[in-house]
């Protein structure tokens, strides 16, 4: 049975990965150029995630009516929907609160990583501690530069994330595409009469 159709499908998938990676990289570069727009876009995306999560929580509450966990799901759903609606209503005014939330998460996560790394017992504990120190420093820098930081922090995070993800897709897609090309060449050579074959 010929493997050519499967190989062709895989090659198309790798090309799609490379194309998607290029789009993400372009989006990341545009975001870094138009940083305020990227920041507001980040807030809007976060608002829609809150609304989606709130809707799921309300569906869960509906399924739990009369059972344990109903009020927890209901309150969570309503709170998420309300927060998402407020951000969509006034995204620019919500940037300060969102940026402070990011700083708090970085600070708490950084301190946790530092303590975990210093306690030892985990692989790469030194790198874990270093990661924590970087997170804490970022949190301090963000807090020290408020409210100005609220106009670019979220945009920078979104843009850098797009760049990193895009470059990863490009690299993985390129490596996979080259590997598939070598396999296809090898298969064609093996099918040629009189071609040298490797012993199994």
Protein backbone atom coordinates (compact mmCIF):
# COMPACT_ATOMS: atom_id res chain seq x y z
CA UNK A 1 0.00 0.00 0.00
CA UNK A 2 1.39 3.39 -0.99
CA UNK A 3 2.15 5.85 1.74
CA UNK A 4 2.20 8.80 -0.64
CA UNK A 5 -1.32 10.11 0.25
CA UNK A 6 -0.49 10.06 3.97
CA UNK A 7 2.89 11.68 3.35
CA UNK A 8 1.28 14.39 1.19
CA UNK A 9 -1.27 15.09 3.94
CA UNK A 10 1.51 15.38 6.52
CA UNK A 11 3.48 17.73 4.26
CA UNK A 12 0.39 19.94 3.88
CA UNK A 13 0.01 19.95 7.65
CA UNK A 14 3.60 21.07 8.11
CA UNK A 15 3.15 23.85 5.55
CA UNK A 16 -0.01 24.93 7.37
CA UNK A 17 1.97 25.00 10.61
CA UNK A 18 4.62 27.22 9.00
CA UNK A 19 1.98 29.54 7.51
CA UNK A 20 0.18 29.83 10.85
CA UNK A 21 3.51 30.52 12.56
CA UNK A 22 4.25 33.32 10.09
CA UNK A 23 0.83 34.86 10.74
CA UNK A 24 1.44 34.74 14.51
CA UNK A 25 4.88 36.33 14.12
CA UNK A 26 3.40 39.09 11.94
CA UNK A 27 0.67 39.62 14.53
CA UNK A 28 3.26 39.82 17.30
CA UNK A 29 5.35 42.39 15.41
CA UNK A 30 2.27 44.49 14.65
CA UNK A 31 1.29 44.26 18.32
CA UNK A 32 4.69 45.54 19.43
CA UNK A 33 4.43 48.44 16.96
CA UNK A 34 0.86 49.36 17.96
CA UNK A 35 1.26 48.48 21.61
CA UNK A 36 -1.75 50.40 22.97
CA UNK A 37 -4.07 48.78 20.44
CA UNK A 38 -2.62 45.37 21.35
CA UNK A 39 -3.18 46.12 25.04
CA UNK A 40 -6.83 47.03 24.53
CA UNK A 41 -7.24 43.96 22.31
CA UNK A 42 -5.82 41.82 25.12
CA UNK A 43 -8.37 43.28 27.52
CA UNK A 44 -11.20 42.55 25.10
CA UNK A 45 -10.03 38.96 24.56
CA UNK A 46 -9.80 38.48 28.32
CA UNK A 47 -13.33 39.86 28.67
CA UNK A 48 -14.69 37.33 26.18
CA UNK A 49 -12.87 34.54 28.02
CA UNK A 50 -14.56 35.68 31.23
CA UNK A 51 -17.94 35.71 29.53
CA UNK A 52 -17.38 32.26 28.04
CA UNK A 53 -16.24 30.90 31.41
CA UNK A 54 -19.18 32.56 33.13
CA UNK A 55 -21.58 30.97 30.69
CA UNK A 56 -20.07 27.53 31.32
CA UNK A 57 -20.32 28.09 35.08
CA UNK A 58 -24.01 29.01 34.78
CA UNK A 59 -24.66 25.92 32.68
CA UNK A 60 -22.94 23.87 35.39
CA UNK A 61 -25.04 25.63 38.04
CA UNK A 62 -28.22 24.78 36.11
CA UNK A 63 -27.20 21.13 36.04
CA UNK A 64 -26.42 21.23 39.78
CA UNK A 65 -29.68 22.91 40.87
CA UNK A 66 -30.81 21.41 44.12
CA UNK A 67 -27.40 19.81 44.67
CA UNK A 68 -24.08 20.72 46.30
CA UNK A 69 -22.01 23.25 44.38
CA UNK A 70 -24.98 25.07 42.84
CA UNK A 71 -24.35 28.40 44.54
CA UNK A 72 -20.60 28.28 43.96
CA UNK A 73 -21.09 27.76 40.22
CA UNK A 74 -23.90 30.31 40.04
CA UNK A 75 -21.95 33.05 41.84
CA UNK A 76 -18.82 32.33 39.80
CA UNK A 77 -20.79 32.49 36.56
CA UNK A 78 -22.52 35.76 37.41
CA UNK A 79 -19.25 37.34 38.62
CA UNK A 80 -17.40 36.33 35.45
CA UNK A 81 -20.20 37.58 33.21
CA UNK A 82 -20.34 40.89 35.10
CA UNK A 83 -16.56 41.37 34.96
CA UNK A 84 -16.45 40.53 31.26
CA UNK A 85 -19.31 42.92 30.51
CA UNK A 86 -17.63 45.75 32.42
CA UNK A 87 -14.36 45.25 30.55
CA UNK A 88 -16.16 45.22 27.19
CA UNK A 89 -18.10 48.32 28.20
CA UNK A 90 -15.01 50.29 29.19
CA UNK A 91 -11.88 48.40 28.08
CA UNK A 92 -9.49 51.36 28.37
CA UNK A 93 -10.64 52.15 31.91
CA UNK A 94 -10.24 48.49 32.89
CA UNK A 95 -6.57 48.31 31.89
CA UNK A 96 -5.28 49.51 35.26
CA UNK A 97 -7.16 46.82 37.19
CA UNK A 98 -6.10 44.10 34.75
CA UNK A 99 -2.46 45.20 34.86
CA UNK A 100 -2.49 45.18 38.66
CA UNK A 101 -3.99 41.68 38.52
CA UNK A 102 -1.15 40.55 36.25
CA UNK A 103 1.41 42.08 38.63
CA UNK A 104 -0.15 40.33 41.63
CA UNK A 105 -0.13 36.97 39.84
CA UNK A 106 3.51 37.47 38.84
CA UNK A 107 4.44 38.45 42.40
CA UNK A 108 2.65 35.51 44.05
CA UNK A 109 3.85 33.03 41.43
CA UNK A 110 7.41 34.36 41.64
CA UNK A 111 7.52 34.10 45.43
CA UNK A 112 6.13 30.57 45.26
CA UNK A 113 8.79 29.55 42.71
CA UNK A 114 11.57 31.10 44.82
CA UNK A 115 10.44 29.22 47.94
CA UNK A 116 10.01 25.98 45.97
CA UNK A 117 13.45 26.34 44.38
CA UNK A 118 15.17 27.14 47.66
CA UNK A 119 13.47 24.20 49.37
CA UNK A 120 15.05 21.89 46.80
CA UNK A 121 13.75 18.45 46.02
CA UNK A 122 12.64 19.38 42.49
CA UNK A 123 14.62 18.99 39.26
CA UNK A 124 16.32 22.21 38.22
CA UNK A 125 15.57 23.96 41.51
CA UNK A 126 18.07 26.70 40.66
CA UNK A 127 16.24 27.53 37.44
CA UNK A 128 12.92 27.47 39.29
CA UNK A 129 14.27 30.04 41.77
CA UNK A 130 15.68 32.17 38.95
CA UNK A 131 12.32 32.09 37.19
CA UNK A 132 10.72 33.24 40.42
CA UNK A 133 13.18 36.11 40.83
CA UNK A 134 12.46 37.29 37.27
CA UNK A 135 8.70 37.15 37.91
CA UNK A 136 9.06 39.16 41.12
CA UNK A 137 11.24 41.77 39.40
CA UNK A 138 8.69 42.09 36.58
CA UNK A 139 5.90 42.52 39.12
CA UNK A 140 7.85 45.23 40.97
CA UNK A 141 8.63 47.04 37.69
CA UNK A 142 4.98 46.95 36.65
CA UNK A 143 3.74 48.23 40.01
CA UNK A 144 6.42 50.94 40.11
CA UNK A 145 5.38 52.23 36.68
CA UNK A 146 1.63 52.32 37.21
CA UNK A 147 -0.59 53.78 35.82
CA UNK A 148 1.55 54.28 32.66
CA UNK A 149 2.39 50.56 32.55
CA UNK A 150 -1.29 49.70 32.13
CA UNK A 151 -1.17 51.01 28.56
CA UNK A 152 1.51 48.58 27.37
CA UNK A 153 2.03 45.61 29.73
CA UNK A 154 -0.84 43.47 28.42
CA UNK A 155 0.02 44.35 24.83
CA UNK A 156 3.66 43.37 25.30
CA UNK A 157 2.67 40.06 26.90
CA UNK A 158 0.24 39.25 24.08
CA UNK A 159 2.69 40.27 21.35
CA UNK A 160 5.62 38.35 22.83
CA UNK A 161 3.39 35.30 23.28
CA UNK A 162 2.38 35.50 19.60
CA UNK A 163 6.02 35.84 18.55
CA UNK A 164 7.20 32.88 20.64
CA UNK A 165 4.33 30.64 19.56
CA UNK A 166 4.76 31.67 15.92
CA UNK A 167 8.50 31.00 15.90
CA UNK A 168 7.93 27.62 17.58
CA UNK A 169 5.39 26.63 14.91
CA UNK A 170 7.75 27.74 12.13
CA UNK A 171 10.68 25.79 13.55
CA UNK A 172 8.64 22.64 14.23
CA UNK A 173 6.93 22.83 10.84
CA UNK A 174 10.21 23.35 9.01
CA UNK A 175 11.95 20.47 10.79
CA UNK A 176 9.00 18.15 10.20
CA UNK A 177 8.72 19.18 6.53
CA UNK A 178 12.41 18.49 5.91
CA UNK A 179 12.16 15.16 7.71
CA UNK A 180 9.18 14.11 5.61
CA UNK A 181 11.05 15.16 2.46
CA UNK A 182 14.02 12.96 3.38
CA UNK A 183 11.72 10.02 4.14
CA UNK A 184 9.92 10.45 0.81
CA UNK A 185 13.23 10.60 -1.06
CA UNK A 186 14.48 7.48 0.68
CA UNK A 187 11.22 5.65 -0.11
CA UNK A 188 11.46 6.58 -3.80
CA UNK A 189 15.09 5.40 -3.98
CA UNK A 190 14.19 2.08 -2.39
CA UNK A 191 11.46 1.54 -4.98
CA UNK A 192 13.83 2.00 -7.93
CA UNK A 193 14.86 -1.38 -9.40
CA UNK A 194 18.52 -2.10 -8.78
CA UNK A 195 18.81 0.61 -6.11
CA UNK A 196 20.97 -0.31 -3.11
CA UNK A 197 18.82 -1.43 -0.18
CA UNK A 198 19.73 -1.29 3.47
CA UNK A 199 19.67 -4.54 5.31
CA UNK A 200 17.01 -4.73 7.96
